[in-house]
């Protein structure tokens, strides 16, 4: 059965560092060891990100051939939900929309590793990612480094908690932070 990994870098603000990290020999070999057959890269809408993607594919051609991983890329799509549903793993730039779309995807849910872009919004992506990792909904690669990504890939076999469908992200984060308000999150489901 094909095993697809979707990598999202965001649609508008470039995160070329994530693309470059995915195409390191160590990460590609780890993905191959996890029986990944397809790697789908959403590189965003900037010309520099498309060039970064093309350069990575070209520079890693020999490694990609040795792993047998099929690589395709795209800038933006109207069908991101379909891309997510057809994936075994989503490695995301930690945008809240992608996180929620992945966590609320129908079963079988893709596993989710988030890699916050350190130059965005004073670390808001890291705060959301950390809260959801504390809830055991995803894996948070705390830095955009090869070591951190490989470490997250090593933990994919664990059981994750399903995100309750009826609550907003704000409710979930407030619950985990101890600010309960009207949020009753007593139902945690293991997926």
N, C-alpha and C. Protein backbone atom coordinates (compact mmCIF):
# COMPACT_ATOMS: atom_id res chain seq x y z
N UNK A 1 0.84 -1.18 0.00
CA UNK A 1 0.00 0.00 0.00
C UNK A 1 0.89 1.25 0.00
N UNK A 2 0.58 2.24 -0.83
CA UNK A 2 1.38 3.47 -0.85
C UNK A 2 1.32 4.21 0.48
N UNK A 3 2.42 4.81 0.82
CA UNK A 3 2.51 5.58 2.07
C UNK A 3 3.01 6.97 1.69
N UNK A 4 2.09 7.94 1.73
CA UNK A 4 2.40 9.30 1.29
C UNK A 4 2.67 10.22 2.47
N UNK A 5 3.70 11.06 2.30
CA UNK A 5 3.99 12.13 3.24
C UNK A 5 3.72 13.44 2.52
N UNK A 6 2.90 14.28 3.15
CA UNK A 6 2.62 15.63 2.65
C UNK A 6 3.39 16.62 3.51
N UNK A 7 4.17 17.47 2.88
CA UNK A 7 4.91 18.51 3.57
C UNK A 7 4.29 19.85 3.17
N UNK A 8 3.83 20.62 4.17
CA UNK A 8 3.25 21.93 3.88
C UNK A 8 4.13 23.02 4.43
N UNK A 9 4.39 24.02 3.61
CA UNK A 9 5.23 25.14 4.05
C UNK A 9 4.42 26.42 4.18
N UNK A 10 3.15 26.38 3.88
CA UNK A 10 2.31 27.56 3.90
C UNK A 10 2.14 28.12 2.50
N UNK A 11 1.10 28.87 2.31
CA UNK A 11 0.79 29.36 0.96
C UNK A 11 1.45 30.70 0.66
N UNK A 12 1.66 31.53 1.64
CA UNK A 12 2.08 32.90 1.33
C UNK A 12 3.46 33.28 1.84
N UNK A 13 3.86 32.79 3.00
CA UNK A 13 5.16 33.17 3.55
C UNK A 13 6.14 32.01 3.38
N UNK A 14 7.26 32.23 2.72
CA UNK A 14 8.16 31.11 2.43
C UNK A 14 8.76 30.47 3.68
N UNK A 15 8.89 29.16 3.63
CA UNK A 15 9.58 28.40 4.68
C UNK A 15 10.51 27.42 3.97
N UNK A 16 11.41 28.00 3.17
CA UNK A 16 12.33 27.20 2.37
C UNK A 16 13.20 26.30 3.24
N UNK A 17 13.47 26.71 4.47
CA UNK A 17 14.30 25.91 5.36
C UNK A 17 13.67 24.54 5.61
N UNK A 18 12.34 24.47 5.68
CA UNK A 18 11.68 23.18 5.88
C UNK A 18 11.86 22.30 4.65
N UNK A 19 11.72 22.88 3.48
CA UNK A 19 11.94 22.11 2.24
C UNK A 19 13.35 21.55 2.25
N UNK A 20 14.33 22.39 2.54
CA UNK A 20 15.72 21.95 2.55
C UNK A 20 15.97 20.85 3.58
N UNK A 21 15.33 20.94 4.74
CA UNK A 21 15.50 19.91 5.77
C UNK A 21 14.93 18.57 5.33
N UNK A 22 13.79 18.60 4.68
CA UNK A 22 13.17 17.34 4.23
C UNK A 22 14.08 16.63 3.23
N UNK A 23 14.79 17.41 2.43
CA UNK A 23 15.64 16.82 1.40
C UNK A 23 17.06 16.52 1.86
N UNK A 24 17.31 16.50 3.16
CA UNK A 24 18.62 16.05 3.62
C UNK A 24 18.68 14.53 3.50
N UNK A 25 19.87 14.03 3.31
CA UNK A 25 20.05 12.59 3.14
C UNK A 25 19.51 11.83 4.35
N UNK A 26 19.76 12.34 5.53
CA UNK A 26 19.33 11.65 6.76
C UNK A 26 17.81 11.55 6.85
N UNK A 27 17.10 12.65 6.55
CA UNK A 27 15.64 12.63 6.62
C UNK A 27 15.07 11.74 5.52
N UNK A 28 15.60 11.83 4.30
CA UNK A 28 15.10 10.98 3.21
C UNK A 28 15.31 9.50 3.52
N UNK A 29 16.46 9.15 4.08
CA UNK A 29 16.71 7.75 4.44
C UNK A 29 15.77 7.29 5.56
N UNK A 30 15.47 8.18 6.51
CA UNK A 30 14.53 7.85 7.58
C UNK A 30 13.13 7.63 7.00
N UNK A 31 12.72 8.49 6.07
CA UNK A 31 11.41 8.30 5.43
C UNK A 31 11.37 6.99 4.67
N UNK A 32 12.45 6.64 4.00
CA UNK A 32 12.52 5.37 3.29
C UNK A 32 12.41 4.20 4.26
N UNK A 33 13.09 4.29 5.41
CA UNK A 33 13.02 3.23 6.42
C UNK A 33 11.60 3.09 6.98
N UNK A 34 10.82 4.17 6.92
CA UNK A 34 9.42 4.13 7.37
C UNK A 34 8.48 3.68 6.25
N UNK A 35 9.05 3.19 5.16
CA UNK A 35 8.30 2.66 4.01
C UNK A 35 7.49 3.73 3.27
N UNK A 36 7.97 4.97 3.31
CA UNK A 36 7.32 6.05 2.56
C UNK A 36 7.56 5.82 1.08
N UNK A 37 6.49 5.91 0.29
CA UNK A 37 6.59 5.71 -1.16
C UNK A 37 6.48 7.02 -1.92
N UNK A 38 5.76 7.99 -1.34
CA UNK A 38 5.51 9.25 -2.04
C UNK A 38 5.73 10.42 -1.10
N UNK A 39 6.38 11.44 -1.63
CA UNK A 39 6.63 12.66 -0.89
C UNK A 39 6.05 13.80 -1.71
N UNK A 40 5.07 14.49 -1.13
CA UNK A 40 4.35 15.56 -1.81
C UNK A 40 4.67 16.86 -1.08
N UNK A 41 5.28 17.80 -1.79
CA UNK A 41 5.74 19.04 -1.17
C UNK A 41 4.87 20.20 -1.63
N UNK A 42 4.23 20.88 -0.67
CA UNK A 42 3.51 22.13 -0.95
C UNK A 42 4.49 23.23 -0.60
N UNK A 43 5.06 23.85 -1.64
CA UNK A 43 6.13 24.81 -1.42
C UNK A 43 5.66 26.26 -1.37
N UNK A 44 4.40 26.53 -1.58
CA UNK A 44 3.88 27.89 -1.46
C UNK A 44 3.85 28.63 -2.78
N UNK A 45 3.56 29.91 -2.69
CA UNK A 45 3.29 30.69 -3.91
C UNK A 45 4.42 31.62 -4.32
N UNK A 46 5.52 31.64 -3.59
CA UNK A 46 6.60 32.56 -3.96
C UNK A 46 7.55 31.90 -4.96
N UNK A 47 8.06 32.66 -5.90
CA UNK A 47 9.01 32.10 -6.88
C UNK A 47 10.25 31.51 -6.21
N UNK A 48 10.72 32.12 -5.13
CA UNK A 48 11.93 31.59 -4.48
C UNK A 48 11.68 30.21 -3.87
N UNK A 49 10.46 29.97 -3.37
CA UNK A 49 10.15 28.66 -2.79
C UNK A 49 10.09 27.59 -3.87
N UNK A 50 9.55 27.93 -5.02
CA UNK A 50 9.52 26.97 -6.13
C UNK A 50 10.95 26.63 -6.56
N UNK A 51 11.80 27.64 -6.62
CA UNK A 51 13.20 27.41 -6.98
C UNK A 51 13.89 26.56 -5.92
N UNK A 52 13.64 26.84 -4.65
CA UNK A 52 14.24 26.04 -3.57
C UNK A 52 13.83 24.57 -3.71
N UNK A 53 12.54 24.33 -3.98
CA UNK A 53 12.05 22.96 -4.17
C UNK A 53 12.77 22.29 -5.35
N UNK A 54 12.80 22.96 -6.49
CA UNK A 54 13.44 22.39 -7.68
C UNK A 54 14.92 22.09 -7.42
N UNK A 55 15.62 23.00 -6.75
CA UNK A 55 17.03 22.78 -6.44
C UNK A 55 17.23 21.58 -5.52
N UNK A 56 16.36 21.44 -4.54
CA UNK A 56 16.47 20.29 -3.62
C UNK A 56 16.27 18.97 -4.36
N UNK A 57 15.28 18.92 -5.21
CA UNK A 57 15.02 17.70 -5.97
C UNK A 57 16.24 17.37 -6.84
N UNK A 58 16.76 18.37 -7.52
CA UNK A 58 17.92 18.17 -8.38
C UNK A 58 19.15 17.72 -7.58
N UNK A 59 19.40 18.38 -6.45
CA UNK A 59 20.58 18.07 -5.65
C UNK A 59 20.49 16.71 -4.96
N UNK A 60 19.27 16.22 -4.75
CA UNK A 60 19.08 14.95 -4.05
C UNK A 60 18.68 13.81 -4.98
N UNK A 61 18.85 14.01 -6.25
CA UNK A 61 18.38 13.02 -7.22
C UNK A 61 18.91 11.62 -6.92
N UNK A 62 20.20 11.49 -6.66
CA UNK A 62 20.79 10.17 -6.41
C UNK A 62 20.21 9.53 -5.15
N UNK A 63 20.06 10.32 -4.09
CA UNK A 63 19.49 9.78 -2.85
C UNK A 63 18.04 9.37 -3.09
N UNK A 64 17.28 10.20 -3.80
CA UNK A 64 15.88 9.87 -4.08
C UNK A 64 15.80 8.58 -4.90
N UNK A 65 16.68 8.42 -5.87
CA UNK A 65 16.69 7.19 -6.67
C UNK A 65 16.99 5.98 -5.79
N UNK A 66 17.92 6.11 -4.86
CA UNK A 66 18.28 4.98 -4.01
C UNK A 66 17.17 4.61 -3.03
N UNK A 67 16.36 5.60 -2.63
CA UNK A 67 15.28 5.31 -1.68
C UNK A 67 14.01 4.84 -2.38
N UNK A 68 13.86 5.19 -3.66
CA UNK A 68 12.64 4.82 -4.38
C UNK A 68 11.45 5.71 -4.06
N UNK A 69 11.67 6.80 -3.33
CA UNK A 69 10.58 7.71 -2.99
C UNK A 69 10.25 8.58 -4.20
N UNK A 70 9.00 8.61 -4.58
CA UNK A 70 8.51 9.45 -5.66
C UNK A 70 8.20 10.84 -5.10
N UNK A 71 8.76 11.89 -5.72
CA UNK A 71 8.58 13.26 -5.22
C UNK A 71 7.81 14.08 -6.24
N UNK A 72 6.78 14.78 -5.74
CA UNK A 72 6.05 15.76 -6.54
C UNK A 72 5.83 16.99 -5.69
N UNK A 73 5.63 18.13 -6.35
CA UNK A 73 5.42 19.36 -5.62
C UNK A 73 4.36 20.23 -6.26
N UNK A 74 3.87 21.17 -5.50
CA UNK A 74 2.88 22.12 -5.99
C UNK A 74 2.95 23.39 -5.16
N UNK A 75 2.48 24.50 -5.75
CA UNK A 75 2.50 25.78 -5.05
C UNK A 75 1.34 25.89 -4.08
N UNK A 76 0.15 26.01 -4.58
CA UNK A 76 -1.06 26.07 -3.77
C UNK A 76 -2.12 25.20 -4.43
N UNK A 77 -3.12 24.81 -3.67
CA UNK A 77 -4.18 23.97 -4.20
C UNK A 77 -5.49 24.31 -3.53
N UNK A 78 -6.56 24.12 -4.25
CA UNK A 78 -7.90 24.26 -3.68
C UNK A 78 -8.30 22.99 -2.92
N UNK A 79 -7.53 21.92 -3.09
CA UNK A 79 -7.89 20.61 -2.55
C UNK A 79 -6.94 20.14 -1.45
N UNK A 80 -6.56 21.04 -0.55
CA UNK A 80 -5.65 20.65 0.52
C UNK A 80 -6.26 19.57 1.41
N UNK A 81 -7.57 19.64 1.65
CA UNK A 81 -8.21 18.61 2.48
C UNK A 81 -8.04 17.23 1.86
N UNK A 82 -8.14 17.14 0.56
CA UNK A 82 -7.95 15.86 -0.14
C UNK A 82 -6.49 15.41 -0.03
N UNK A 83 -5.57 16.35 -0.16
CA UNK A 83 -4.14 16.03 -0.01
C UNK A 83 -3.89 15.45 1.39
N UNK A 84 -4.48 16.08 2.39
CA UNK A 84 -4.30 15.63 3.78
C UNK A 84 -4.91 14.25 3.97
N UNK A 85 -6.15 14.05 3.51
CA UNK A 85 -6.84 12.76 3.70
C UNK A 85 -6.07 11.60 3.07
N UNK A 86 -5.38 11.85 1.97
CA UNK A 86 -4.68 10.77 1.28
C UNK A 86 -3.27 10.54 1.81
N UNK A 87 -2.91 11.20 2.88
CA UNK A 87 -1.55 11.10 3.42
C UNK A 87 -1.49 10.19 4.65
N UNK A 88 -0.38 9.52 4.79
CA UNK A 88 -0.08 8.74 5.99
C UNK A 88 0.49 9.66 7.07
N UNK A 89 1.26 10.67 6.62
CA UNK A 89 1.90 11.62 7.52
C UNK A 89 1.83 13.00 6.90
N UNK A 90 1.52 14.01 7.72
CA UNK A 90 1.61 15.40 7.31
C UNK A 90 2.71 16.04 8.15
N UNK A 91 3.66 16.66 7.47
CA UNK A 91 4.70 17.45 8.14
C UNK A 91 4.39 18.89 7.79
N UNK A 92 3.94 19.64 8.77
CA UNK A 92 3.37 20.95 8.52
C UNK A 92 4.22 22.08 9.05
N UNK A 93 4.10 23.21 8.42
CA UNK A 93 4.73 24.45 8.86
C UNK A 93 4.10 24.97 10.15
N UNK A 94 3.16 24.29 10.69
CA UNK A 94 2.50 24.61 11.96
C UNK A 94 1.47 25.72 11.83
N UNK A 95 0.98 25.94 10.62
CA UNK A 95 -0.14 26.86 10.47
C UNK A 95 -1.38 26.26 11.11
N UNK A 96 -2.12 27.07 11.82
CA UNK A 96 -3.28 26.58 12.56
C UNK A 96 -4.30 25.90 11.64
N UNK A 97 -4.51 26.46 10.45
CA UNK A 97 -5.47 25.86 9.51
C UNK A 97 -5.06 24.45 9.12
N UNK A 98 -3.80 24.25 8.79
CA UNK A 98 -3.33 22.91 8.42
C UNK A 98 -3.40 21.96 9.59
N UNK A 99 -3.05 22.44 10.78
CA UNK A 99 -3.13 21.59 11.97
C UNK A 99 -4.56 21.12 12.18
N UNK A 100 -5.50 22.04 12.19
CA UNK A 100 -6.90 21.66 12.42
C UNK A 100 -7.45 20.78 11.31
N UNK A 101 -7.12 21.09 10.06
CA UNK A 101 -7.58 20.26 8.95
C UNK A 101 -7.06 18.83 9.09
N UNK A 102 -5.82 18.69 9.52
CA UNK A 102 -5.24 17.35 9.68
C UNK A 102 -5.86 16.63 10.87
N UNK A 103 -5.96 17.31 12.01
CA UNK A 103 -6.49 16.66 13.21
C UNK A 103 -7.98 16.34 13.08
N UNK A 104 -8.69 17.06 12.25
CA UNK A 104 -10.12 16.82 12.06
C UNK A 104 -10.41 16.00 10.80
N UNK A 105 -9.37 15.52 10.16
CA UNK A 105 -9.53 14.68 8.98
C UNK A 105 -10.21 13.37 9.38
N UNK A 106 -11.04 12.81 8.48
CA UNK A 106 -11.68 11.54 8.82
C UNK A 106 -10.66 10.41 8.93
N UNK A 107 -11.05 9.36 9.61
CA UNK A 107 -10.16 8.21 9.79
C UNK A 107 -10.00 7.47 8.47
N UNK A 108 -8.86 6.85 8.25
CA UNK A 108 -7.69 6.86 9.13
C UNK A 108 -6.98 8.21 9.07
N UNK A 109 -6.78 8.77 10.23
CA UNK A 109 -6.16 10.08 10.32
C UNK A 109 -4.66 9.99 10.02
N UNK A 110 -4.16 10.98 9.27
CA UNK A 110 -2.70 11.00 9.11
C UNK A 110 -2.03 11.40 10.41
N UNK A 111 -0.84 10.90 10.61
CA UNK A 111 -0.03 11.37 11.73
C UNK A 111 0.40 12.79 11.40
N UNK A 112 0.77 13.57 12.41
CA UNK A 112 1.09 14.98 12.18
C UNK A 112 2.34 15.38 12.95
N UNK A 113 3.31 15.91 12.22
CA UNK A 113 4.50 16.53 12.81
C UNK A 113 4.46 18.00 12.40
N UNK A 114 4.57 18.89 13.37
CA UNK A 114 4.58 20.31 13.05
C UNK A 114 5.95 20.90 13.32
N UNK A 115 6.37 21.77 12.41
CA UNK A 115 7.67 22.42 12.48
C UNK A 115 7.41 23.92 12.36
N UNK A 116 7.30 24.63 13.47
CA UNK A 116 7.00 26.05 13.41
C UNK A 116 8.08 26.85 12.66
N UNK A 117 7.61 27.79 11.88
CA UNK A 117 8.51 28.71 11.18
C UNK A 117 8.95 29.76 12.21
N UNK A 118 10.22 29.79 12.57
CA UNK A 118 10.66 30.64 13.68
C UNK A 118 10.58 32.14 13.40
N UNK A 119 10.36 32.54 12.16
CA UNK A 119 10.33 33.98 11.86
C UNK A 119 8.93 34.56 11.86
N UNK A 120 7.92 33.76 12.17
CA UNK A 120 6.54 34.24 12.11
C UNK A 120 5.96 34.60 13.47
N UNK A 121 5.29 35.71 13.55
CA UNK A 121 4.38 36.12 14.61
C UNK A 121 4.84 35.83 16.03
N UNK A 122 6.05 36.13 16.36
CA UNK A 122 6.53 36.02 17.74
C UNK A 122 6.31 34.64 18.35
N UNK A 123 6.45 33.61 17.54
CA UNK A 123 6.38 32.26 18.07
C UNK A 123 4.98 31.72 18.32
N UNK A 124 3.94 32.32 17.74
CA UNK A 124 2.58 31.82 18.00
C UNK A 124 2.41 30.39 17.51
N UNK A 125 3.09 30.02 16.42
CA UNK A 125 2.98 28.65 15.93
C UNK A 125 3.54 27.67 16.96
N UNK A 126 4.63 28.03 17.58
CA UNK A 126 5.25 27.16 18.58
C UNK A 126 4.32 26.97 19.78
N UNK A 127 3.63 28.03 20.19
CA UNK A 127 2.72 27.93 21.33
C UNK A 127 1.56 26.97 21.04
N UNK A 128 0.98 27.09 19.87
CA UNK A 128 -0.13 26.20 19.49
C UNK A 128 0.38 24.77 19.38
N UNK A 129 1.52 24.59 18.73
CA UNK A 129 2.08 23.24 18.56
C UNK A 129 2.39 22.59 19.90
N UNK A 130 2.98 23.35 20.81
CA UNK A 130 3.32 22.80 22.13
C UNK A 130 2.06 22.39 22.90
N UNK A 131 1.02 23.22 22.84
CA UNK A 131 -0.22 22.89 23.55
C UNK A 131 -0.84 21.61 22.98
N UNK A 132 -0.84 21.46 21.68
CA UNK A 132 -1.44 20.26 21.07
C UNK A 132 -0.56 19.03 21.26
N UNK A 133 0.75 19.22 21.36
CA UNK A 133 1.60 18.07 21.68
C UNK A 133 1.36 17.64 23.12
N UNK A 134 1.18 18.60 24.02
CA UNK A 134 0.87 18.27 25.41
C UNK A 134 -0.42 17.47 25.51
N UNK A 135 -1.33 17.69 24.57
CA UNK A 135 -2.59 16.94 24.53
C UNK A 135 -2.42 15.60 23.82
N UNK A 136 -1.20 15.31 23.32
CA UNK A 136 -0.88 14.07 22.61
C UNK A 136 -1.62 13.95 21.27
N UNK A 137 -1.88 15.09 20.63
CA UNK A 137 -2.56 15.09 19.32
C UNK A 137 -1.59 15.07 18.15
N UNK A 138 -0.35 15.49 18.39
CA UNK A 138 0.63 15.62 17.32
C UNK A 138 2.02 15.57 17.89
N UNK A 139 3.00 15.56 17.00
CA UNK A 139 4.40 15.66 17.40
C UNK A 139 4.90 17.04 17.00
N UNK A 140 5.62 17.66 17.89
CA UNK A 140 6.11 19.02 17.69
C UNK A 140 7.62 18.98 17.56
N UNK A 141 8.11 19.31 16.37
CA UNK A 141 9.54 19.43 16.15
C UNK A 141 9.94 20.82 16.62
N UNK A 142 10.51 20.90 17.79
CA UNK A 142 10.70 22.18 18.46
C UNK A 142 11.62 23.14 17.74
N UNK A 143 12.38 22.65 16.81
CA UNK A 143 13.22 23.55 16.01
C UNK A 143 13.27 23.01 14.58
N UNK A 144 13.55 23.90 13.67
CA UNK A 144 13.65 23.52 12.27
C UNK A 144 15.06 23.02 12.00
N UNK A 145 15.35 21.84 12.60
CA UNK A 145 16.66 21.22 12.42
C UNK A 145 16.47 19.77 12.01
N UNK A 146 17.48 19.25 11.37
CA UNK A 146 17.46 17.86 10.94
C UNK A 146 17.29 16.92 12.14
N UNK A 147 18.01 17.19 13.21
CA UNK A 147 17.94 16.35 14.41
C UNK A 147 16.54 16.32 14.99
N UNK A 148 15.90 17.47 15.07
CA UNK A 148 14.55 17.55 15.64
C UNK A 148 13.52 16.82 14.77
N UNK A 149 13.66 16.94 13.46
CA UNK A 149 12.72 16.25 12.56
C UNK A 149 12.92 14.74 12.64
N UNK A 150 14.15 14.28 12.63
CA UNK A 150 14.41 12.84 12.73
C UNK A 150 13.90 12.31 14.07
N UNK A 151 14.11 13.07 15.13
CA UNK A 151 13.61 12.67 16.45
C UNK A 151 12.08 12.51 16.43
N UNK A 152 11.38 13.44 15.79
CA UNK A 152 9.92 13.33 15.68
C UNK A 152 9.54 12.12 14.84
N UNK A 153 10.24 11.88 13.76
CA UNK A 153 9.94 10.71 12.91
C UNK A 153 10.13 9.41 13.68
N UNK A 154 11.05 9.39 14.62
CA UNK A 154 11.29 8.19 15.45
C UNK A 154 10.13 7.89 16.40
N UNK A 155 9.24 8.85 16.62
CA UNK A 155 8.15 8.69 17.59
C UNK A 155 6.79 8.43 16.94
N UNK A 156 6.75 8.18 15.65
CA UNK A 156 5.47 8.06 14.94
C UNK A 156 4.65 6.82 15.32
N UNK A 157 5.28 5.84 15.94
CA UNK A 157 4.54 4.61 16.24
C UNK A 157 3.69 4.70 17.50
N UNK A 158 3.72 5.82 18.19
CA UNK A 158 2.93 5.95 19.42
C UNK A 158 1.46 6.18 19.10
N UNK A 159 0.63 5.99 20.10
CA UNK A 159 -0.81 6.25 19.98
C UNK A 159 -1.06 7.74 20.22
N UNK A 160 -1.89 8.33 19.39
CA UNK A 160 -2.22 9.75 19.53
C UNK A 160 -3.66 9.89 20.02
N UNK A 161 -3.92 11.01 20.69
CA UNK A 161 -5.27 11.31 21.16
C UNK A 161 -5.99 12.07 20.06
N UNK A 162 -7.22 11.66 19.82
CA UNK A 162 -8.01 12.33 18.79
C UNK A 162 -8.51 13.67 19.30
N UNK A 163 -8.43 14.67 18.46
CA UNK A 163 -8.93 16.00 18.80
C UNK A 163 -10.45 15.96 18.87
N UNK A 164 -11.05 16.35 20.00
CA UNK A 164 -12.51 16.38 20.06
C UNK A 164 -13.06 17.31 18.99
N UNK A 165 -14.04 16.85 18.23
CA UNK A 165 -14.55 17.58 17.07
C UNK A 165 -15.37 18.81 17.43
N UNK A 166 -15.99 18.82 18.59
CA UNK A 166 -16.97 19.87 18.85
C UNK A 166 -16.38 21.13 19.49
N UNK A 167 -15.10 21.18 19.72
CA UNK A 167 -14.51 22.32 20.39
C UNK A 167 -13.62 23.12 19.45
N UNK A 168 -13.53 24.41 19.71
CA UNK A 168 -12.64 25.26 18.94
C UNK A 168 -11.21 25.07 19.43
N UNK A 169 -10.27 25.50 18.63
CA UNK A 169 -8.87 25.44 19.03
C UNK A 169 -8.65 26.25 20.30
N UNK A 170 -9.29 27.40 20.39
CA UNK A 170 -9.15 28.24 21.60
C UNK A 170 -9.63 27.50 22.84
N UNK A 171 -10.77 26.79 22.73
CA UNK A 171 -11.27 26.01 23.86
C UNK A 171 -10.25 24.96 24.28
N UNK A 172 -9.67 24.27 23.30
CA UNK A 172 -8.73 23.19 23.61
C UNK A 172 -7.46 23.72 24.26
N UNK A 173 -6.93 24.80 23.72
CA UNK A 173 -5.72 25.38 24.29
C UNK A 173 -6.00 25.92 25.69
N UNK A 174 -7.13 26.60 25.87
CA UNK A 174 -7.50 27.11 27.19
C UNK A 174 -7.66 25.98 28.20
N UNK A 175 -8.25 24.87 27.76
CA UNK A 175 -8.42 23.71 28.64
C UNK A 175 -7.06 23.20 29.11
N UNK A 176 -6.16 23.02 28.15
CA UNK A 176 -4.83 22.51 28.49
C UNK A 176 -4.05 23.50 29.35
N UNK A 177 -4.32 24.79 29.18
CA UNK A 177 -3.62 25.82 29.95
C UNK A 177 -4.25 26.01 31.33
N UNK A 178 -5.38 25.34 31.57
CA UNK A 178 -6.03 25.47 32.87
C UNK A 178 -7.04 26.58 32.95
N UNK A 179 -7.38 27.19 31.82
CA UNK A 179 -8.39 28.25 31.77
C UNK A 179 -9.67 27.59 31.25
N UNK A 180 -10.47 27.04 32.15
CA UNK A 180 -11.55 26.16 31.74
C UNK A 180 -12.76 26.86 31.15
N UNK A 181 -13.22 27.95 31.70
CA UNK A 181 -14.40 28.63 31.16
C UNK A 181 -15.55 27.67 30.97
N UNK A 182 -16.17 27.70 29.81
CA UNK A 182 -17.30 26.84 29.49
C UNK A 182 -16.90 25.56 28.78
N UNK A 183 -15.64 25.29 28.69
CA UNK A 183 -15.15 24.17 27.90
C UNK A 183 -15.06 22.91 28.76
N UNK A 184 -15.85 21.89 28.42
CA UNK A 184 -15.77 20.59 29.09
C UNK A 184 -15.18 19.60 28.11
N UNK A 185 -13.90 19.31 28.28
CA UNK A 185 -13.22 18.39 27.38
C UNK A 185 -12.93 17.13 28.18
N UNK A 186 -13.93 16.37 28.45
CA UNK A 186 -13.73 15.17 29.24
C UNK A 186 -13.55 13.93 28.36
N UNK A 187 -13.86 14.06 27.08
CA UNK A 187 -13.77 12.91 26.18
C UNK A 187 -12.48 12.94 25.41
N UNK A 188 -11.59 12.07 25.74
CA UNK A 188 -10.35 11.94 24.98
C UNK A 188 -10.35 10.55 24.37
N UNK A 189 -10.17 10.49 23.07
CA UNK A 189 -10.19 9.24 22.35
C UNK A 189 -8.80 8.96 21.80
N UNK A 190 -8.34 7.75 21.96
CA UNK A 190 -7.06 7.37 21.41
C UNK A 190 -7.28 6.89 19.98
N UNK A 191 -6.41 7.35 19.07
CA UNK A 191 -6.51 6.93 17.68
C UNK A 191 -5.28 6.12 17.31
